[in-house]
Every structure is written in C-alpha cells, then in structure tokens.
Amino acid sequence: MASASPQDGASGDGAGGTGESTSMVDGVYATLLSAIVEMRLGARTPLSQNKLAAHLGVSRTPVREALLRLERDGLVERTDMGFVVATITPAEVNEACDLLELLDSYVYRRAAETLSEAQLTELLALAAELVRSAEAADTGAWQAADHRYHQIVMAAANNRFVAGYLQQVRRRVQRFWLQEPLFDGRLRTCSQDHVALAQAMTDADETVLGDTVRAHIGRMRRNVLDRLESAGPLLPGTDPLAGVKVGYPRATAPSATGT
C-alpha cells in the first residue's frame, strides 16, 4: 500500500508558482479525484496526459502535476505505458481496514471527550437523517448528512495528522465499496452504525463505541474483498474520458471523511 501523507493538498512538484497555475492544478486534481473516487474511472483505466489535457482544455503541465499528486495519494499508478488508475489488492484492503479500525477508534474516543451537548444532539439528528435517506434512496441527502456527521467528529477529535491519513486511506478503499448499489441493506446497516456511534458518544460508553467501530470497519472489509473477488466491474470502460467531467471545480475536491 502506498505510504500516506497528511499533506494531501501540497503539490511539491513545480506546479508553476503562480496562483493561477496552482489553481489550475487544483482544479484538474479535483476533477480526476472525483472521477476516481466515484468510480467513473475504473481501476486500470489509462490516463493519457495528452487526451486529458485536450478533454479539459488545459495544457499538459497541470494534468501531469495533478497525476503526480494522485500518485502520492495512492489513487494513480505509473506503468511502462503511462499513468493508470490504481487498483487495490486483498492484502492492501486488509492493511487499510486494520489502519482504519485503529484510527477511527482513536477519533471517536477523542471526539466523545470534547463534543458539546449541542454537537451530540446534531450528530444524533444527522444519524437519523442518514437512516431516512437510506430508506428513501436519496443519494444527495445521505452524502450531505454523512459529510457533516464526520466533519463534526473530526473537528472534535482535533488531530489534523490523523485526519489526513484517514482521508487518504478511505479514498483508496471506499471507492470500491461506494460503487455497489448504495441503497440496499448494507447502507441501512451503515446508517444504523452511525446512530449507534452517536449514541455511544452521548452516553460516553467506550465499550460500545469500540465494538461499533470494529463491526463497522469489519463489514466494509468484507464488502470490498467480495467486490474485488468479482473483479469485473472494476475494469475500465470503452471510453475512459466519459467519466471525466469538463468544467472542473477550481479548488475543491470530494470529501472522503465518511461511511
């Protein structure tokens, strides 16, 4: 598994130095990151710098800088034929989930010590919204509630290094999990986990908190491993660039804090 770095936004490879060029790299990075995390670009999809530059209406330089950044994130690999979207092995899934279990346990324990009564009330309300959204198959509402839920927890834990590692590891693993049909029994179970976590933090019950984190990550581990075993849906499509949306956001990227 590629080594993680909490400085996921830094370029460091000569992005050009000006605010405009940095913004362009950030925009291309955000576009490709979104396409990879949301599995619009499947594993092993070739990423031609020339084709991407033409598709996005930019020069090759910001494309290359963005690909180098994604390589450091572990989402892109360099081969003899150029860059491709990274895949993940069963061993890497197990390693990543082991790390997620350790870090999530720490984060929820720290958050439980510092969350205010108002924040705990908001977490319980957001968890209930996750359950409602899963039942209603409302993708946008579920993702918005999930993002806000984890924003509150991570802010309360107040450890930017752990937050950086968690974000990077989640991006590598969850893109395979999220590609499954979202609104089935698994997502409802995931939402119920969020309810249990919020309640355990409210009750200051470390035992339930730890047990729920382990069960939550364990289900993710099994789901991703099952998906890797099926393998077929992970292959690139016939038109890789169809997954890359033109008109990219200049300095935003999808969150990977949740689930």
Protein backbone atom coordinates (compact mmCIF):
# COMPACT_ATOMS: atom_id res chain seq x y z
CA MET A 1 0.00 0.00 0.00
CA ALA A 2 1.35 3.43 -0.88
CA SER A 3 2.65 5.45 2.04
CA ALA A 4 0.22 8.02 3.32
CA SER A 5 0.82 11.72 3.76
CA PRO A 6 -1.39 14.13 5.62
CA GLN A 7 -0.33 16.93 3.28
CA ASP A 8 -2.70 15.76 0.58
CA GLY A 9 -3.14 19.21 -0.91
CA ALA A 10 0.52 20.06 -1.43
CA SER A 11 1.92 19.78 -4.91
CA GLY A 12 5.66 20.00 -4.41
CA ASP A 13 6.47 19.06 -7.99
CA GLY A 14 6.80 22.51 -9.52
CA ALA A 15 3.21 23.49 -10.24
CA GLY A 16 4.46 26.75 -11.67
CA GLY A 17 4.44 29.00 -8.63
CA THR A 18 1.68 31.46 -9.60
CA GLY A 19 -1.75 31.49 -8.01
CA GLU A 20 -3.36 30.90 -11.40
CA SER A 21 -1.25 27.84 -12.25
CA THR A 22 -1.71 26.38 -8.77
CA SER A 23 -5.45 26.90 -9.06
CA MET A 24 -5.45 25.11 -12.42
CA VAL A 25 -3.56 22.13 -10.97
CA ASP A 26 -6.01 22.08 -8.05
CA GLY A 27 -8.91 22.10 -10.48
CA VAL A 28 -7.58 19.23 -12.60
CA TYR A 29 -6.71 17.30 -9.44
CA ALA A 30 -10.23 17.80 -8.05
CA THR A 31 -11.79 16.68 -11.34
CA LEU A 32 -9.71 13.49 -11.58
CA LEU A 33 -10.04 12.78 -7.87
CA SER A 34 -13.82 12.99 -8.12
CA ALA A 35 -13.89 10.71 -11.17
CA ILE A 36 -11.69 8.11 -9.44
CA VAL A 37 -13.34 8.17 -6.01
CA GLU A 38 -16.81 7.96 -7.57
CA MET A 39 -15.59 5.12 -9.84
CA ARG A 40 -16.43 6.95 -13.06
CA LEU A 41 -12.83 5.99 -13.88
CA GLY A 42 -12.42 2.31 -13.07
CA ALA A 43 -9.28 0.59 -11.86
CA ARG A 44 -6.54 0.20 -14.50
CA THR A 45 -8.09 2.90 -16.72
CA PRO A 46 -5.25 4.51 -18.74
CA LEU A 47 -4.79 8.23 -18.09
CA SER A 48 -3.25 9.80 -21.18
CA GLN A 49 -1.86 13.24 -20.36
CA ASN A 50 -2.43 14.46 -23.92
CA LYS A 51 -6.03 13.23 -24.07
CA LEU A 52 -6.89 14.55 -20.62
CA ALA A 53 -5.37 17.95 -21.43
CA ALA A 54 -7.39 18.19 -24.64
CA HIS A 55 -10.54 16.96 -22.91
CA LEU A 56 -10.24 19.51 -20.09
CA GLY A 57 -8.98 22.35 -22.26
CA VAL A 58 -5.70 22.83 -20.40
CA SER A 59 -2.03 22.22 -21.11
CA ARG A 60 -0.25 19.00 -20.17
CA THR A 61 1.56 20.63 -17.24
CA PRO A 62 -1.37 20.88 -14.80
CA VAL A 63 -2.51 17.41 -15.85
CA ARG A 64 0.89 15.94 -15.07
CA GLU A 65 1.09 17.77 -11.72
CA ALA A 66 -2.38 16.51 -10.80
CA LEU A 67 -1.46 12.94 -11.76
CA LEU A 68 1.71 13.11 -9.65
CA ARG A 69 -0.36 14.27 -6.69
CA LEU A 70 -2.84 11.44 -7.22
CA GLU A 71 0.08 9.02 -7.41
CA ARG A 72 1.20 10.19 -3.97
CA ASP A 73 -2.38 9.65 -2.76
CA GLY A 74 -2.17 6.05 -3.96
CA LEU A 75 -5.02 6.54 -6.45
CA VAL A 76 -2.88 6.52 -9.61
CA GLU A 77 -0.01 4.22 -10.61
CA ARG A 78 2.79 4.73 -13.12
CA THR A 79 3.40 1.90 -15.60
CA ASP A 80 5.63 1.47 -18.65
CA MET A 81 2.68 2.70 -20.71
CA GLY A 82 1.99 5.76 -18.54
CA PHE A 83 -0.39 6.55 -15.70
CA VAL A 84 -3.36 4.32 -14.87
CA VAL A 85 -6.00 4.39 -12.15
CA ALA A 86 -4.70 2.30 -9.25
CA THR A 87 -6.31 -0.91 -8.17
CA ILE A 88 -6.04 -2.43 -4.72
CA THR A 89 -5.12 -5.96 -3.64
CA PRO A 90 -6.86 -8.01 -0.94
CA ALA A 91 -3.74 -7.67 1.22
CA GLU A 92 -3.91 -3.87 0.87
CA VAL A 93 -7.61 -3.90 1.75
CA ASN A 94 -6.83 -5.77 4.96
CA GLU A 95 -3.95 -3.44 5.80
CA ALA A 96 -6.07 -0.36 5.12
CA CYS A 97 -9.00 -1.64 7.17
CA ASP A 98 -6.69 -2.52 10.06
CA LEU A 99 -5.46 1.07 9.99
CA LEU A 100 -8.97 2.50 9.66
CA GLU A 101 -10.09 0.50 12.70
CA LEU A 102 -7.23 1.85 14.81
CA LEU A 103 -7.61 5.46 13.69
CA ASP A 104 -11.41 5.51 13.85
CA SER A 105 -11.33 4.06 17.36
CA TYR A 106 -8.97 6.87 18.39
CA VAL A 107 -11.02 9.57 16.63
CA TYR A 108 -14.36 8.56 18.15
CA ARG A 109 -12.84 8.18 21.60
CA ARG A 110 -11.24 11.63 21.39
CA ALA A 111 -14.41 13.18 19.99
CA ALA A 112 -16.53 11.72 22.79
CA GLU A 113 -14.34 13.57 25.30
CA THR A 114 -14.81 17.00 23.72
CA LEU A 115 -18.18 17.12 21.93
CA SER A 116 -20.64 19.61 23.37
CA GLU A 117 -24.23 18.72 24.17
CA ALA A 118 -25.36 20.71 21.13
CA GLN A 119 -22.93 18.84 18.86
CA LEU A 120 -24.05 15.47 20.21
CA THR A 121 -27.66 16.45 19.56
CA GLU A 122 -26.74 17.42 16.00
CA LEU A 123 -24.92 14.10 15.47
CA LEU A 124 -27.98 12.15 16.62
CA ALA A 125 -30.15 14.19 14.23
CA LEU A 126 -27.72 13.62 11.35
CA ALA A 127 -27.62 9.89 12.08
CA ALA A 128 -31.41 9.80 11.93
CA GLU A 129 -31.23 11.66 8.61
CA LEU A 130 -28.81 9.02 7.29
CA VAL A 131 -31.33 6.31 8.13
CA ARG A 132 -34.17 8.23 6.45
CA SER A 133 -32.08 8.96 3.36
CA ALA A 134 -31.00 5.33 3.02
CA GLU A 135 -34.62 4.18 3.24
CA ALA A 136 -35.69 6.80 0.69
CA ALA A 137 -32.75 6.11 -1.67
CA ASP A 138 -31.85 9.81 -1.58
CA THR A 139 -28.19 9.86 -2.59
CA GLY A 140 -27.62 13.58 -2.21
CA ALA A 141 -29.22 13.84 1.22
CA TRP A 142 -27.35 10.78 2.50
CA GLN A 143 -23.96 12.04 1.35
CA ALA A 144 -24.59 15.55 2.72
CA ALA A 145 -25.58 14.19 6.14
CA ASP A 146 -22.65 11.76 6.16
CA HIS A 147 -20.19 14.52 5.29
CA ARG A 148 -21.50 16.83 8.02
CA TYR A 149 -21.54 14.00 10.58
CA HIS A 150 -17.87 13.22 10.04
CA GLN A 151 -16.92 16.89 9.87
CA ILE A 152 -18.20 17.31 13.42
CA VAL A 153 -16.47 14.17 14.69
CA MET A 154 -13.12 15.00 13.06
CA ALA A 155 -13.21 18.61 14.29
CA ALA A 156 -13.89 17.39 17.83
CA ALA A 157 -11.03 14.88 17.65
CA ASN A 158 -8.79 17.81 16.62
CA ASN A 159 -5.84 15.92 15.13
CA ARG A 160 -5.02 17.08 11.61
CA PHE A 161 -2.42 14.37 11.02
CA VAL A 162 -4.86 11.59 11.83
CA ALA A 163 -7.49 13.36 9.71
CA GLY A 164 -5.08 13.44 6.75
CA TYR A 165 -4.20 9.76 7.00
CA LEU A 166 -7.85 8.77 7.43
CA GLN A 167 -8.88 10.75 4.37
CA GLN A 168 -6.21 9.19 2.20
CA VAL A 169 -6.83 5.61 3.31
CA ARG A 170 -10.60 5.98 2.98
CA ARG A 171 -10.27 7.25 -0.57
CA ARG A 172 -8.31 4.18 -1.56
CA VAL A 173 -10.78 1.70 -0.07
CA GLN A 174 -14.20 3.30 -0.17
CA ARG A 175 -14.33 3.93 -3.91
CA PHE A 176 -14.81 0.17 -4.33
CA TRP A 177 -17.38 -0.02 -1.53
CA LEU A 178 -19.31 3.01 -2.80
CA GLN A 179 -19.61 1.59 -6.31
CA GLU A 180 -22.02 -1.05 -5.07
CA PRO A 181 -25.75 -0.18 -5.28
CA LEU A 182 -25.92 2.38 -2.50
CA PHE A 183 -29.36 1.89 -1.10
CA ASP A 184 -29.51 -1.74 -0.09
CA GLY A 185 -29.32 -3.46 3.29
CA ARG A 186 -25.63 -2.59 3.66
CA LEU A 187 -26.20 1.14 3.57
CA ARG A 188 -29.07 0.91 6.02
CA THR A 189 -26.77 -1.05 8.33
CA CYS A 190 -24.07 1.58 7.85
CA SER A 191 -26.56 4.30 8.79
CA GLN A 192 -27.59 2.39 11.90
CA ASP A 193 -23.89 2.20 12.83
CA HIS A 194 -23.80 5.99 12.76
CA VAL A 195 -26.80 6.07 15.11
CA ALA A 196 -25.04 3.65 17.48
CA LEU A 197 -21.80 5.65 17.36
CA ALA A 198 -23.57 8.93 18.10
CA GLN A 199 -25.48 7.35 20.97
CA ALA A 200 -22.34 5.76 22.42
CA MET A 201 -20.57 9.13 22.34
CA THR A 202 -23.58 10.73 24.02
CA ASP A 203 -23.54 8.03 26.71
CA ALA A 204 -19.72 8.16 26.99
CA ASP A 205 -19.73 4.38 26.56
CA GLU A 206 -16.26 3.47 25.29
CA THR A 207 -17.03 -0.26 25.13
CA VAL A 208 -20.00 0.16 22.79
CA LEU A 209 -18.07 2.79 20.83
CA GLY A 210 -15.13 0.45 20.22
CA ASP A 211 -17.34 -2.53 19.39
CA THR A 212 -19.36 -0.48 16.89
CA VAL A 213 -16.26 0.86 15.14
CA ARG A 214 -14.82 -2.66 14.79
CA ALA A 215 -18.10 -4.05 13.44
CA HIS A 216 -18.49 -1.11 11.05
CA ILE A 217 -14.99 -1.47 9.57
CA GLY A 218 -15.36 -5.26 9.51
CA ARG A 219 -18.41 -5.00 7.25
CA MET A 220 -16.59 -2.60 4.95
CA ARG A 221 -13.65 -5.01 4.77
CA ARG A 222 -15.87 -7.94 3.78
CA ASN A 223 -17.79 -5.91 1.20
CA VAL A 224 -14.66 -4.60 -0.52
CA LEU A 225 -13.00 -8.03 -0.54
CA ASP A 226 -16.16 -9.53 -2.05
CA ARG A 227 -16.14 -6.82 -4.69
CA LEU A 228 -12.50 -7.44 -5.56
CA GLU A 229 -13.24 -11.13 -5.95
CA SER A 230 -15.95 -10.36 -8.51
CA ALA A 231 -13.43 -8.04 -10.30
CA GLY A 232 -15.44 -7.50 -13.50
CA PRO A 233 -16.99 -4.09 -12.65
CA LEU A 234 -13.56 -2.72 -11.78
CA LEU A 235 -12.30 -2.85 -15.35
CA PRO A 236 -12.12 0.36 -17.41
CA GLY A 237 -14.92 1.19 -19.81
CA THR A 238 -14.61 1.57 -23.56
CA ASP A 239 -14.37 5.37 -23.33
CA PRO A 240 -12.28 6.30 -20.25
CA LEU A 241 -12.73 10.06 -20.76
CA ALA A 242 -16.51 9.70 -20.50
CA GLY A 243 -16.01 9.58 -16.75
CA VAL A 244 -14.14 12.91 -16.60
CA LYS A 245 -16.47 15.87 -16.37
CA VAL A 246 -15.44 19.05 -18.15
CA GLY A 247 -15.89 22.32 -16.27
CA TYR A 248 -14.00 21.24 -13.20
CA PRO A 249 -14.09 22.97 -9.81
CA ARG A 250 -11.03 25.16 -9.37
CA ALA A 251 -10.04 24.34 -5.81
CA THR A 252 -12.47 21.80 -4.42
CA ALA A 253 -12.36 18.06 -4.09
CA PRO A 254 -14.87 15.47 -2.88
CA SER A 255 -14.71 14.58 0.76
CA ALA A 256 -13.78 11.09 1.88
CA THR A 257 -14.38 11.51 5.54
CA GLY A 258 -17.42 9.39 5.88
CA THR A 259 -19.02 5.95 5.93
